[in-house]
Amino acid sequence: GWTGWEGPYAGVYGALPLNSRLTVSPGASLQPYISGDYRTSVSGGGGGAITGFNFQSGSLVYGAEADLGFVRLSAKEGASIGSLTAGARIATSYMGTARARIGFASGRLLAYATGGLSVTTLKGEAFAYVSGTNVFAYRNSQTVAGLALGAGLEYALTDRLNARGEYIYSAFEKATYSDAVNAKLNVGLARMAIVSKF
């Protein structure tokens, strides 16, 4: 029969961005011409694998969890001042987190909060055009880290199989493309998962 929440587990998840945005701001070389922050929404989605371990003391459930997934998100934003247009395109190909979880269980239902570290690689391109002619292009990939916070509900469908829905928001550090463009990615992921206890 069902033995509670304690023990190791692993599973898979699918994710879609919700309340995610890219903020682009000019670097030192463009600040004389363009000022301010420019924001746009992020599109994409993906999925990956989850593993973790729960401890249980009465109704209190706590533990640690890690995940790694193919999460492809993309966005483009820029600004135009007169004949000058400048901005950045970014894309992610993977995202991983390492987090603590703590929650309260009522039988087979668990409500929890989670927090920890999130990491992704931003593949980016900064660009500038004058009267439609490309005058600057800079591409690179940067690994950026950030704080991940979230909450969710998990339910034990069977003695070993659980289903969950959760929302995890990651605020990543700023990526800099040469001295022309700065890009900051904030990602909220709505995730559905199936996990199995060992």
C-alpha atoms as a PDB file:
ATOM      1  CA  GLY A   1       0.000   0.000   0.000  1.00  0.00           C
ATOM      2  CA  TRP A   2       0.868   3.674  -0.003  1.00  0.00           C
ATOM      3  CA  THR A   3       3.606   4.424   2.551  1.00  0.00           C
ATOM      4  CA  GLY A   4       3.603   8.223   2.525  1.00  0.00           C
ATOM      5  CA  TRP A   5       5.874  10.812   0.942  1.00  0.00           C
ATOM      6  CA  GLU A   6       9.315   9.851   2.221  1.00  0.00           C
ATOM      7  CA  GLY A   7      11.904   8.422  -0.143  1.00  0.00           C
ATOM      8  CA  PRO A   8      13.602   8.962  -3.496  1.00  0.00           C
ATOM      9  CA  TYR A   9      11.718   9.662  -6.711  1.00  0.00           C
ATOM     10  CA  ALA A  10      12.259  10.501 -10.376  1.00  0.00           C
ATOM     11  CA  GLY A  11      10.050  11.603 -13.224  1.00  0.00           C
ATOM     12  CA  VAL A  12       9.472  13.776 -16.260  1.00  0.00           C
ATOM     13  CA  TYR A  13       7.907  17.196 -16.788  1.00  0.00           C
ATOM     14  CA  GLY A  14       6.555  19.418 -19.538  1.00  0.00           C
ATOM     15  CA  ALA A  15       6.696  23.206 -19.341  1.00  0.00           C
ATOM     16  CA  LEU A  16       5.303  26.341 -20.966  1.00  0.00           C
ATOM     17  CA  PRO A  17       6.405  29.930 -20.262  1.00  0.00           C
ATOM     18  CA  LEU A  18       4.015  32.046 -18.200  1.00  0.00           C
ATOM     19  CA  ASN A  19       4.844  35.627 -17.183  1.00  0.00           C
ATOM     20  CA  SER A  20       8.276  35.385 -18.847  1.00  0.00           C
ATOM     21  CA  ARG A  21      10.072  38.390 -20.282  1.00  0.00           C
ATOM     22  CA  LEU A  22      13.290  39.565 -21.898  1.00  0.00           C
ATOM     23  CA  THR A  23      14.605  42.994 -20.916  1.00  0.00           C
ATOM     24  CA  VAL A  24      17.056  44.629 -23.325  1.00  0.00           C
ATOM     25  CA  SER A  25      19.036  47.732 -22.391  1.00  0.00           C
ATOM     26  CA  PRO A  26      21.820  49.627 -24.203  1.00  0.00           C
ATOM     27  CA  GLY A  27      25.439  49.080 -23.252  1.00  0.00           C
ATOM     28  CA  ALA A  28      28.042  51.810 -22.919  1.00  0.00           C
ATOM     29  CA  SER A  29      28.602  52.267 -26.656  1.00  0.00           C
ATOM     30  CA  LEU A  30      24.899  52.810 -27.382  1.00  0.00           C
ATOM     31  CA  GLN A  31      23.857  54.783 -24.305  1.00  0.00           C
ATOM     32  CA  PRO A  32      24.609  58.142 -25.989  1.00  0.00           C
ATOM     33  CA  TYR A  33      21.957  57.276 -28.585  1.00  0.00           C
ATOM     34  CA  ILE A  34      19.404  55.011 -26.884  1.00  0.00           C
ATOM     35  CA  SER A  35      18.303  54.981 -23.248  1.00  0.00           C
ATOM     36  CA  GLY A  36      15.896  52.987 -21.148  1.00  0.00           C
ATOM     37  CA  ASP A  37      14.825  49.358 -20.869  1.00  0.00           C
ATOM     38  CA  TYR A  38      12.794  47.550 -23.509  1.00  0.00           C
ATOM     39  CA  ARG A  39      10.767  44.490 -22.563  1.00  0.00           C
ATOM     40  CA  THR A  40       9.078  41.751 -24.533  1.00  0.00           C
ATOM     41  CA  SER A  41       7.427  38.419 -23.823  1.00  0.00           C
ATOM     42  CA  VAL A  42       9.125  35.043 -24.273  1.00  0.00           C
ATOM     43  CA  SER A  43       7.752  32.144 -26.305  1.00  0.00           C
ATOM     44  CA  GLY A  44       8.587  28.444 -26.457  1.00  0.00           C
ATOM     45  CA  GLY A  45       8.411  25.462 -24.122  1.00  0.00           C
ATOM     46  CA  GLY A  46       9.996  22.114 -23.416  1.00  0.00           C
ATOM     47  CA  GLY A  47      10.413  19.351 -20.903  1.00  0.00           C
ATOM     48  CA  GLY A  48      12.910  17.303 -18.982  1.00  0.00           C
ATOM     49  CA  ALA A  49      13.696  14.981 -16.091  1.00  0.00           C
ATOM     50  CA  ILE A  50      13.279  15.400 -12.322  1.00  0.00           C
ATOM     51  CA  THR A  51      14.883  13.575  -9.407  1.00  0.00           C
ATOM     52  CA  GLY A  52      14.758  14.164  -5.687  1.00  0.00           C
ATOM     53  CA  PHE A  53      14.321  12.849  -2.159  1.00  0.00           C
ATOM     54  CA  ASN A  54      11.606  13.587   0.400  1.00  0.00           C
ATOM     55  CA  PHE A  55      11.678  13.341   4.166  1.00  0.00           C
ATOM     56  CA  GLN A  56       8.444  13.285   6.161  1.00  0.00           C
ATOM     57  CA  SER A  57       7.722  14.171   9.774  1.00  0.00           C
ATOM     58  CA  GLY A  58       4.007  14.037  10.434  1.00  0.00           C
ATOM     59  CA  SER A  59       2.351  16.340   7.935  1.00  0.00           C
ATOM     60  CA  LEU A  60       5.625  18.178   7.219  1.00  0.00           C
ATOM     61  CA  VAL A  61       7.385  17.067   4.022  1.00  0.00           C
ATOM     62  CA  TYR A  62      10.801  18.460   3.065  1.00  0.00           C
ATOM     63  CA  GLY A  63      13.668  17.518   0.798  1.00  0.00           C
ATOM     64  CA  ALA A  64      15.776  18.389  -2.228  1.00  0.00           C
ATOM     65  CA  GLU A  65      15.125  18.220  -5.952  1.00  0.00           C
ATOM     66  CA  ALA A  66      17.048  18.738  -9.200  1.00  0.00           C
ATOM     67  CA  ASP A  67      15.876  18.888 -12.779  1.00  0.00           C
ATOM     68  CA  LEU A  68      17.412  19.301 -16.205  1.00  0.00           C
ATOM     69  CA  GLY A  69      15.470  19.818 -19.388  1.00  0.00           C
ATOM     70  CA  PHE A  70      15.406  20.797 -23.011  1.00  0.00           C
ATOM     71  CA  VAL A  71      13.625  24.124 -22.631  1.00  0.00           C
ATOM     72  CA  ARG A  72      13.721  26.185 -25.817  1.00  0.00           C
ATOM     73  CA  LEU A  73      12.678  29.778 -25.233  1.00  0.00           C
ATOM     74  CA  SER A  74      13.236  32.720 -27.555  1.00  0.00           C
ATOM     75  CA  ALA A  75      12.647  36.455 -27.716  1.00  0.00           C
ATOM     76  CA  LYS A  76      13.725  39.531 -29.656  1.00  0.00           C
ATOM     77  CA  GLU A  77      13.566  43.148 -28.577  1.00  0.00           C
ATOM     78  CA  GLY A  78      15.088  46.444 -29.658  1.00  0.00           C
ATOM     79  CA  ALA A  79      14.548  50.147 -30.107  1.00  0.00           C
ATOM     80  CA  SER A  80      14.762  52.676 -32.923  1.00  0.00           C
ATOM     81  CA  ILE A  81      15.880  56.269 -32.623  1.00  0.00           C
ATOM     82  CA  GLY A  82      15.830  58.054 -35.963  1.00  0.00           C
ATOM     83  CA  SER A  83      17.787  55.942 -38.433  1.00  0.00           C
ATOM     84  CA  LEU A  84      19.396  53.798 -35.682  1.00  0.00           C
ATOM     85  CA  THR A  85      17.880  50.474 -34.671  1.00  0.00           C
ATOM     86  CA  ALA A  86      19.548  48.338 -31.983  1.00  0.00           C
ATOM     87  CA  GLY A  87      18.559  45.341 -29.918  1.00  0.00           C
ATOM     88  CA  ALA A  88      19.125  41.684 -29.127  1.00  0.00           C
ATOM     89  CA  ARG A  89      17.786  38.220 -29.891  1.00  0.00           C
ATOM     90  CA  ILE A  90      18.158  35.449 -27.323  1.00  0.00           C
ATOM     91  CA  ALA A  91      17.373  31.750 -27.180  1.00  0.00           C
ATOM     92  CA  THR A  92      17.807  29.004 -24.594  1.00  0.00           C
ATOM     93  CA  SER A  93      18.253  25.327 -25.315  1.00  0.00           C
ATOM     94  CA  TYR A  94      18.360  23.872 -21.802  1.00  0.00           C
ATOM     95  CA  MET A  95      17.492  24.856 -18.251  1.00  0.00           C
ATOM     96  CA  GLY A  96      18.296  23.208 -14.938  1.00  0.00           C
ATOM     97  CA  THR A  97      17.504  23.859 -11.297  1.00  0.00           C
ATOM     98  CA  ALA A  98      18.632  22.580  -7.906  1.00  0.00           C
ATOM     99  CA  ARG A  99      16.103  23.393  -5.204  1.00  0.00           C
ATOM    100  CA  ALA A 100      14.888  22.684  -1.692  1.00  0.00           C
ATOM    101  CA  ARG A 101      11.226  21.770  -1.204  1.00  0.00           C
ATOM    102  CA  ILE A 102       9.065  22.107   1.895  1.00  0.00           C
ATOM    103  CA  GLY A 103       5.363  21.541   2.231  1.00  0.00           C
ATOM    104  CA  PHE A 104       2.447  20.141   4.142  1.00  0.00           C
ATOM    105  CA  ALA A 105       0.667  16.906   3.308  1.00  0.00           C
ATOM    106  CA  SER A 106      -2.911  15.934   3.855  1.00  0.00           C
ATOM    107  CA  GLY A 107      -2.963  12.247   3.059  1.00  0.00           C
ATOM    108  CA  ARG A 108      -2.137  11.840  -0.625  1.00  0.00           C
ATOM    109  CA  LEU A 109      -2.160  15.599  -1.345  1.00  0.00           C
ATOM    110  CA  LEU A 110       0.974  17.725  -0.881  1.00  0.00           C
ATOM    111  CA  ALA A 111       1.138  21.529  -1.119  1.00  0.00           C
ATOM    112  CA  TYR A 112       4.702  22.849  -1.247  1.00  0.00           C
ATOM    113  CA  ALA A 113       7.013  25.782  -1.818  1.00  0.00           C
ATOM    114  CA  THR A 114      10.421  25.476  -3.450  1.00  0.00           C
ATOM    115  CA  GLY A 115      13.505  27.604  -3.945  1.00  0.00           C
ATOM    116  CA  GLY A 116      17.102  27.356  -5.103  1.00  0.00           C
ATOM    117  CA  LEU A 117      19.401  27.895  -8.061  1.00  0.00           C
ATOM    118  CA  SER A 118      18.497  27.984 -11.756  1.00  0.00           C
ATOM    119  CA  VAL A 119      20.983  27.814 -14.657  1.00  0.00           C
ATOM    120  CA  THR A 120      20.645  28.223 -18.417  1.00  0.00           C
ATOM    121  CA  THR A 121      22.747  29.137 -21.440  1.00  0.00           C
ATOM    122  CA  LEU A 122      21.696  32.203 -23.420  1.00  0.00           C
ATOM    123  CA  LYS A 123      22.564  32.065 -27.086  1.00  0.00           C
ATOM    124  CA  GLY A 124      22.420  35.700 -28.038  1.00  0.00           C
ATOM    125  CA  GLU A 125      22.978  38.167 -30.800  1.00  0.00           C
ATOM    126  CA  ALA A 126      23.261  41.920 -30.416  1.00  0.00           C
ATOM    127  CA  PHE A 127      22.602  43.954 -33.543  1.00  0.00           C
ATOM    128  CA  ALA A 128      22.533  47.543 -34.781  1.00  0.00           C
ATOM    129  CA  TYR A 129      21.330  48.981 -38.074  1.00  0.00           C
ATOM    130  CA  VAL A 130      21.637  52.481 -39.498  1.00  0.00           C
ATOM    131  CA  SER A 131      19.185  53.268 -42.289  1.00  0.00           C
ATOM    132  CA  GLY A 132      18.705  49.531 -42.801  1.00  0.00           C
ATOM    133  CA  THR A 133      22.429  48.751 -43.082  1.00  0.00           C
ATOM    134  CA  ASN A 134      23.922  46.414 -40.495  1.00  0.00           C
ATOM    135  CA  VAL A 135      26.719  48.219 -38.683  1.00  0.00           C
ATOM    136  CA  PHE A 136      27.158  45.901 -35.690  1.00  0.00           C
ATOM    137  CA  ALA A 137      26.573  42.221 -34.962  1.00  0.00           C
ATOM    138  CA  TYR A 138      27.914  40.262 -32.023  1.00  0.00           C
ATOM    139  CA  ARG A 139      27.039  36.662 -31.167  1.00  0.00           C
ATOM    140  CA  ASN A 140      27.977  34.477 -28.238  1.00  0.00           C
ATOM    141  CA  SER A 141      26.659  31.978 -25.702  1.00  0.00           C
ATOM    142  CA  GLN A 142      26.718  32.779 -22.001  1.00  0.00           C
ATOM    143  CA  THR A 143      25.834  30.544 -19.075  1.00  0.00           C
ATOM    144  CA  VAL A 144      23.829  32.537 -16.545  1.00  0.00           C
ATOM    145  CA  ALA A 145      22.549  31.626 -13.097  1.00  0.00           C
ATOM    146  CA  GLY A 146      19.644  32.939 -11.103  1.00  0.00           C
ATOM    147  CA  LEU A 147      17.290  32.466  -8.203  1.00  0.00           C
ATOM    148  CA  ALA A 148      14.423  30.003  -8.685  1.00  0.00           C
ATOM    149  CA  LEU A 149      11.271  30.233  -6.559  1.00  0.00           C
ATOM    150  CA  GLY A 150       7.996  28.406  -6.918  1.00  0.00           C
ATOM    151  CA  ALA A 151       5.084  26.476  -5.484  1.00  0.00           C
ATOM    152  CA  GLY A 152       2.932  23.546  -6.453  1.00  0.00           C
ATOM    153  CA  LEU A 153       0.492  20.765  -5.658  1.00  0.00           C
ATOM    154  CA  GLU A 154       1.292  17.064  -5.890  1.00  0.00           C
ATOM    155  CA  TYR A 155      -1.073  14.111  -5.585  1.00  0.00           C
ATOM    156  CA  ALA A 156      -0.314  10.418  -5.131  1.00  0.00           C
ATOM    157  CA  LEU A 157      -2.333   8.711  -7.870  1.00  0.00           C
ATOM    158  CA  THR A 158      -1.189   5.217  -6.885  1.00  0.00           C
ATOM    159  CA  ASP A 159       1.162   3.699  -4.312  1.00  0.00           C
ATOM    160  CA  ARG A 160       4.163   4.799  -6.414  1.00  0.00           C
ATOM    161  CA  LEU A 161       2.966   7.245  -9.091  1.00  0.00           C
ATOM    162  CA  ASN A 162       2.418  10.950  -8.370  1.00  0.00           C
ATOM    163  CA  ALA A 163       1.137  13.807 -10.546  1.00  0.00           C
ATOM    164  CA  ARG A 164       1.957  17.443  -9.901  1.00  0.00           C
ATOM    165  CA  GLY A 165       1.380  20.940 -11.195  1.00  0.00           C
ATOM    166  CA  GLU A 166       3.787  23.719 -10.271  1.00  0.00           C
ATOM    167  CA  TYR A 167       4.989  27.183 -11.179  1.00  0.00           C
ATOM    168  CA  ILE A 168       8.700  28.032 -10.968  1.00  0.00           C
ATOM    169  CA  TYR A 169      10.009  31.548 -11.603  1.00  0.00           C
ATOM    170  CA  SER A 170      13.705  32.080 -12.375  1.00  0.00           C
ATOM    171  CA  ALA A 171      15.333  35.528 -12.391  1.00  0.00           C
ATOM    172  CA  PHE A 172      18.642  35.178 -14.244  1.00  0.00           C
ATOM    173  CA  GLU A 173      21.639  37.471 -14.055  1.00  0.00           C
ATOM    174  CA  LYS A 174      22.294  39.956 -16.853  1.00  0.00           C
ATOM    175  CA  ALA A 175      24.118  38.837 -20.002  1.00  0.00           C
ATOM    176  CA  THR A 176      26.316  41.389 -21.791  1.00  0.00           C
ATOM    177  CA  TYR A 177      26.987  41.339 -25.529  1.00  0.00           C
ATOM    178  CA  SER A 178      30.178  43.283 -26.175  1.00  0.00           C
ATOM    179  CA  ASP A 179      29.560  46.772 -24.769  1.00  0.00           C
ATOM    180  CA  ALA A 180      26.525  47.359 -26.975  1.00  0.00           C
ATOM    181  CA  VAL A 181      23.571  45.486 -25.508  1.00  0.00           C
ATOM    182  CA  ASN A 182      22.595  43.976 -22.163  1.00  0.00           C
ATOM    183  CA  ALA A 183      19.946  41.260 -21.935  1.00  0.00           C
ATOM    184  CA  LYS A 184      18.193  39.983 -18.802  1.00  0.00           C
ATOM    185  CA  LEU A 185      15.889  36.972 -18.881  1.00  0.00           C
ATOM    186  CA  ASN A 186      13.162  36.288 -16.324  1.00  0.00           C
ATOM    187  CA  VAL A 187      11.384  32.983 -16.875  1.00  0.00           C
ATOM    188  CA  GLY A 188       8.195  31.720 -15.291  1.00  0.00           C
ATOM    189  CA  LEU A 189       7.435  28.108 -16.187  1.00  0.00           C
ATOM    190  CA  ALA A 190       4.092  26.389 -15.655  1.00  0.00           C
ATOM    191  CA  ARG A 191       5.051  22.717 -15.328  1.00  0.00           C
ATOM    192  CA  MET A 192       3.135  19.460 -15.227  1.00  0.00           C
ATOM    193  CA  ALA A 193       4.982  16.356 -14.065  1.00  0.00           C
ATOM    194  CA  ILE A 194       4.631  12.653 -13.398  1.00  0.00           C
ATOM    195  CA  VAL A 195       7.014  11.205 -10.814  1.00  0.00           C
ATOM    196  CA  SER A 196       7.548   7.702  -9.511  1.00  0.00           C
ATOM    197  CA  LYS A 197       8.738   6.739  -6.025  1.00  0.00           C
ATOM    198  CA  PHE A 198      11.470   4.113  -5.783  1.00  0.00           C
END
